[in-house]
Protein backbone atom coordinates (compact mmCIF):
# COMPACT_ATOMS: atom_id res chain seq x y z
CA MET A 1 163.94 152.72 20.83
CA ASP A 2 165.82 155.33 23.07
CA ALA A 3 168.59 155.07 25.61
CA ALA A 4 166.55 154.86 28.74
CA LEU A 5 164.14 152.27 27.11
CA ALA A 6 167.27 150.33 26.09
CA ALA A 7 168.77 150.13 29.33
CA ALA A 8 165.50 149.18 31.05
CA PHE A 9 165.43 146.11 28.80
CA PHE A 10 168.88 145.00 29.22
CA ALA A 11 168.58 145.80 33.23
CA ALA A 12 165.72 143.32 32.84
CA ALA A 13 166.82 140.90 30.22
CA ILE A 14 170.19 139.81 31.59
CA PRO A 15 169.00 138.66 34.88
CA THR A 16 166.27 136.67 33.68
CA PHE A 17 168.16 135.03 30.82
CA VAL A 18 171.07 133.87 33.27
CA THR A 19 168.53 133.03 36.33
CA PRO A 20 167.78 129.21 36.41
CA GLY A 21 164.64 128.26 34.19
CA PRO A 22 163.84 125.12 31.96
CA ASN A 23 166.17 125.92 29.24
CA ASN A 24 169.00 126.74 31.32
CA LEU A 25 168.69 123.56 33.51
CA MET A 26 168.12 121.19 30.21
CA LEU A 27 171.29 122.91 28.76
CA MET A 28 173.17 121.95 31.82
CA ALA A 29 171.86 118.39 31.72
CA SER A 30 172.53 117.99 28.50
CA SER A 31 176.22 119.20 28.35
CA ALA A 32 176.52 117.23 31.49
CA LYS A 33 175.48 114.13 29.86
CA PHE A 34 176.21 114.53 26.17
CA GLY A 35 179.03 117.03 26.18
CA LEU A 36 179.33 120.48 24.90
CA GLY A 37 179.40 119.56 21.36
CA ARG A 38 176.51 117.59 20.95
CA THR A 39 174.48 120.19 23.13
CA VAL A 40 175.32 122.86 20.67
CA PRO A 41 171.94 122.46 18.39
CA HIS A 42 169.96 122.62 21.31
CA MET A 43 171.37 125.86 22.02
CA ILE A 44 171.13 127.11 18.83
CA GLY A 45 167.16 126.01 18.98
CA ILE A 46 166.57 128.18 22.03
CA CYS A 47 168.68 131.19 20.68
CA ILE A 48 166.23 131.08 17.69
CA GLY A 49 163.28 129.87 19.08
CA PHE A 50 162.68 132.44 22.18
CA PRO A 51 163.65 135.67 20.01
CA LEU A 52 161.54 134.30 17.33
CA MET A 53 158.61 133.79 20.25
CA VAL A 54 159.16 137.57 21.31
CA PHE A 55 158.52 138.89 18.06
CA ILE A 56 155.28 136.58 17.39
CA ILE A 57 154.14 137.69 20.89
CA GLY A 58 155.10 141.48 20.37
CA LEU A 59 153.04 141.30 17.15
CA GLY A 60 149.82 140.37 19.11
CA LEU A 61 149.86 136.88 20.32
CA GLY A 62 149.90 138.02 23.79
CA GLU A 63 146.44 139.12 23.52
CA VAL A 64 145.11 135.70 23.18
CA PHE A 65 145.87 135.10 26.92
CA THR A 66 143.94 138.64 27.77
CA GLN A 67 141.24 137.06 25.72
CA LEU A 68 141.43 133.59 27.23
CA PRO A 69 143.13 133.64 30.54
CA TRP A 70 142.28 129.79 31.11
CA LEU A 71 144.50 129.23 28.35
CA LYS A 72 147.33 130.39 30.13
CA THR A 73 146.66 128.46 33.01
CA ALA A 74 146.42 125.30 30.95
CA LEU A 75 149.67 126.02 29.50
CA LYS A 76 151.36 126.62 32.74
CA PHE A 77 150.22 123.11 34.19
CA ALA A 78 150.96 121.11 31.12
CA ALA A 79 154.35 122.80 30.67
CA ALA A 80 154.84 121.75 34.66
CA ALA A 81 153.73 118.18 33.91
CA ASN A 82 156.49 118.10 31.00
CA LEU A 83 159.16 119.32 33.18
CA LEU A 84 158.25 116.81 36.01
CA TRP A 85 158.59 114.06 33.65
CA LEU A 86 161.97 115.48 32.62
CA ALA A 87 163.01 115.45 36.11
CA TRP A 88 161.92 111.93 36.46
CA THR A 89 163.87 110.88 33.48
CA LEU A 90 167.00 112.47 34.78
CA LEU A 91 166.85 110.53 38.02
CA GLY A 92 168.62 107.48 36.82
CA LEU A 93 171.18 109.55 35.09
CA LYS A 94 174.82 108.98 35.73
CA VAL A 95 178.07 110.34 34.38
CA GLY A 96 179.36 108.75 31.41
CA GLU A 97 176.21 106.89 30.88
CA VAL A 98 174.27 107.43 27.73
CA LYS A 99 171.80 104.75 26.53
CA ALA A 100 171.37 103.92 23.03
CA ASN A 101 167.73 105.66 22.43
CA GLU A 102 169.09 108.77 24.45
CA ARG A 103 170.18 111.91 22.61
CA PRO A 104 170.19 116.02 23.12
CA LEU A 105 167.41 118.07 21.88
CA LYS A 106 167.20 118.74 18.31
CA LEU A 107 167.49 122.19 17.29
CA HIS A 108 163.84 122.51 15.98
CA GLU A 109 162.73 120.63 19.27
CA ALA A 110 164.40 123.18 21.31
CA ALA A 111 162.98 126.13 19.38
CA LEU A 112 159.60 124.43 19.63
CA PHE A 113 159.99 123.95 23.60
CA GLN A 114 159.93 127.68 24.10
CA TRP A 115 156.02 127.55 23.44
CA VAL A 116 155.44 125.16 26.73
CA ASN A 117 158.22 126.86 28.80
CA PRO A 118 156.48 129.16 31.29
CA LYS A 119 159.62 131.22 31.96
CA ALA A 120 159.89 131.97 28.19
CA TRP A 121 156.39 133.24 28.19
CA ALA A 122 156.94 135.36 31.16
CA MET A 123 160.03 136.56 29.82
CA ALA A 124 158.53 137.36 26.14
CA ILE A 125 155.25 139.32 27.63
CA SER A 126 157.46 141.07 29.99
CA PHE A 127 159.86 142.46 27.35
CA VAL A 128 157.19 143.43 25.24
CA ALA A 129 155.21 145.16 27.85
CA LEU A 130 158.33 147.11 29.22
CA VAL A 131 159.52 148.08 26.05
CA VAL A 132 157.48 148.14 23.06
CA GLN A 133 155.04 150.91 22.65
CA PRO A 134 151.96 151.53 20.92
CA GLY A 135 152.53 153.41 17.69
CA PRO A 136 154.17 154.15 14.42
CA GLY A 137 157.67 152.82 15.87
CA ARG A 138 156.15 149.74 17.54
CA VAL A 139 157.62 146.94 14.82
CA THR A 140 161.09 148.78 14.89
CA THR A 141 161.33 148.78 18.77
CA LEU A 142 159.97 145.30 18.54
CA THR A 143 162.73 144.29 16.09
CA LEU A 144 165.28 145.89 18.34
CA VAL A 145 163.95 143.66 21.31
CA THR A 146 164.06 140.71 19.23
CA ILE A 147 168.02 141.43 18.14
CA GLY A 148 168.47 142.10 21.88
CA CYS A 149 167.28 138.77 22.97
CA VAL A 150 169.27 137.19 19.98
CA LEU A 151 172.73 138.88 21.46
CA ILE A 152 172.04 137.86 24.96
CA GLY A 153 170.67 134.03 24.54
CA PRO A 154 174.29 132.53 23.50
CA PHE A 155 175.70 133.91 26.41
CA SER A 156 173.67 132.94 28.99
CA SER A 157 173.25 129.46 27.01
CA LEU A 158 177.26 128.90 27.00
CA ILE A 159 177.17 129.81 31.01
CA TRP A 160 174.88 126.74 31.54
CA MET A 161 176.24 124.33 29.36
CA VAL A 162 179.88 125.39 30.80
CA PHE A 163 178.52 124.95 34.33
CA GLY A 164 177.13 121.30 33.45
CA GLN A 165 180.26 120.46 31.99
CA GLN A 166 181.92 121.35 34.92
CA LEU A 167 179.36 119.87 37.27
CA GLU A 168 179.95 116.29 35.45
CA ARG A 169 183.68 116.70 35.85
CA PHE A 170 183.70 117.61 39.62
CA LEU A 171 180.99 114.75 40.30
CA ARG A 172 183.37 112.06 38.40
CA ARG A 173 186.35 113.50 40.39
CA THR A 174 184.83 113.15 43.72
CA GLY A 175 183.40 109.78 43.22
CA THR A 176 179.64 111.04 43.41
CA GLU A 177 178.82 110.94 40.00
CA ARG A 178 175.45 108.72 40.41
CA TYR A 179 174.25 111.90 42.45
CA LEU A 180 174.16 113.78 38.97
CA GLY A 181 170.83 112.72 38.09
CA MET A 182 169.19 113.54 41.67
CA ILE A 183 171.10 116.81 41.44
CA LEU A 184 169.64 117.87 37.88
CA ALA A 185 165.96 116.41 38.67
CA ALA A 186 166.08 118.33 41.89
CA LEU A 187 166.75 121.45 40.20
CA MET A 188 164.13 120.91 37.73
CA VAL A 189 161.53 120.49 40.26
CA VAL A 190 162.56 123.92 42.24
CA ALA A 191 162.40 125.28 38.64
CA VAL A 192 158.80 123.88 38.06
CA VAL A 193 157.63 124.90 41.89
CA MET A 194 159.08 128.54 41.24
CA PHE A 195 157.05 129.04 38.09
CA LEU A 196 153.82 127.75 39.42
CA LEU A 197 153.71 130.04 42.09
C-alpha cells in the first residue's frame, strides 16, 4: 500500500470509527451501566470482530451483496429491529441499577454482532473499495487495512467507554440519573434512523 492510499484509509477510517454508531453507543451504555472493567470483553470483541469482518469481506464476501441486493436490505432492517429492541430495553435503565439477569456483552457476542451492524457493513465495504486494488498485492493490502482497523478500534472504543462512564457520573452528580436510559435509548434510535436513510 503506497503512502497516498494509506493516508486515504486513515482519513476515512478515523472519523467513521469515532462517530456514533451501534458499537459506540452500546459501549457507552455498557460502561455507564456496568463500568469500564466489565465492558472490556465487549470492547475486545468489537476490536477483533470488525477487522476480521473487513478481511473476510475483502476476500470476496462483499460480492454476495452485488449478486443478491435484497440480502443487504433484509440485513439492514433486521439490524434496525435489533437496535430498536436494544433501545427499548435501555428505557428503564437507571444509574447503579443492575438486575440479576443483566450483564455486558461477552467477547464472542460483540464479535458476532458486527455481522448485523449496518455501520460495520458500510465501513468494511467502504474501506475495501477505497484501498484494496485488484491484482497480486491485493491480500497484502487487505492485511494492512485489517491491521489499521485493529489499531484504530481500541482508541475509538475507549473514547466511548470513558464518555459513558463520565455521563453516568454527571447524571448521578446532578440527580438526573433516572434519565440515563432515555438518553441512551434516544441516541440508539437516532443511530438507527441515520443508517436506514
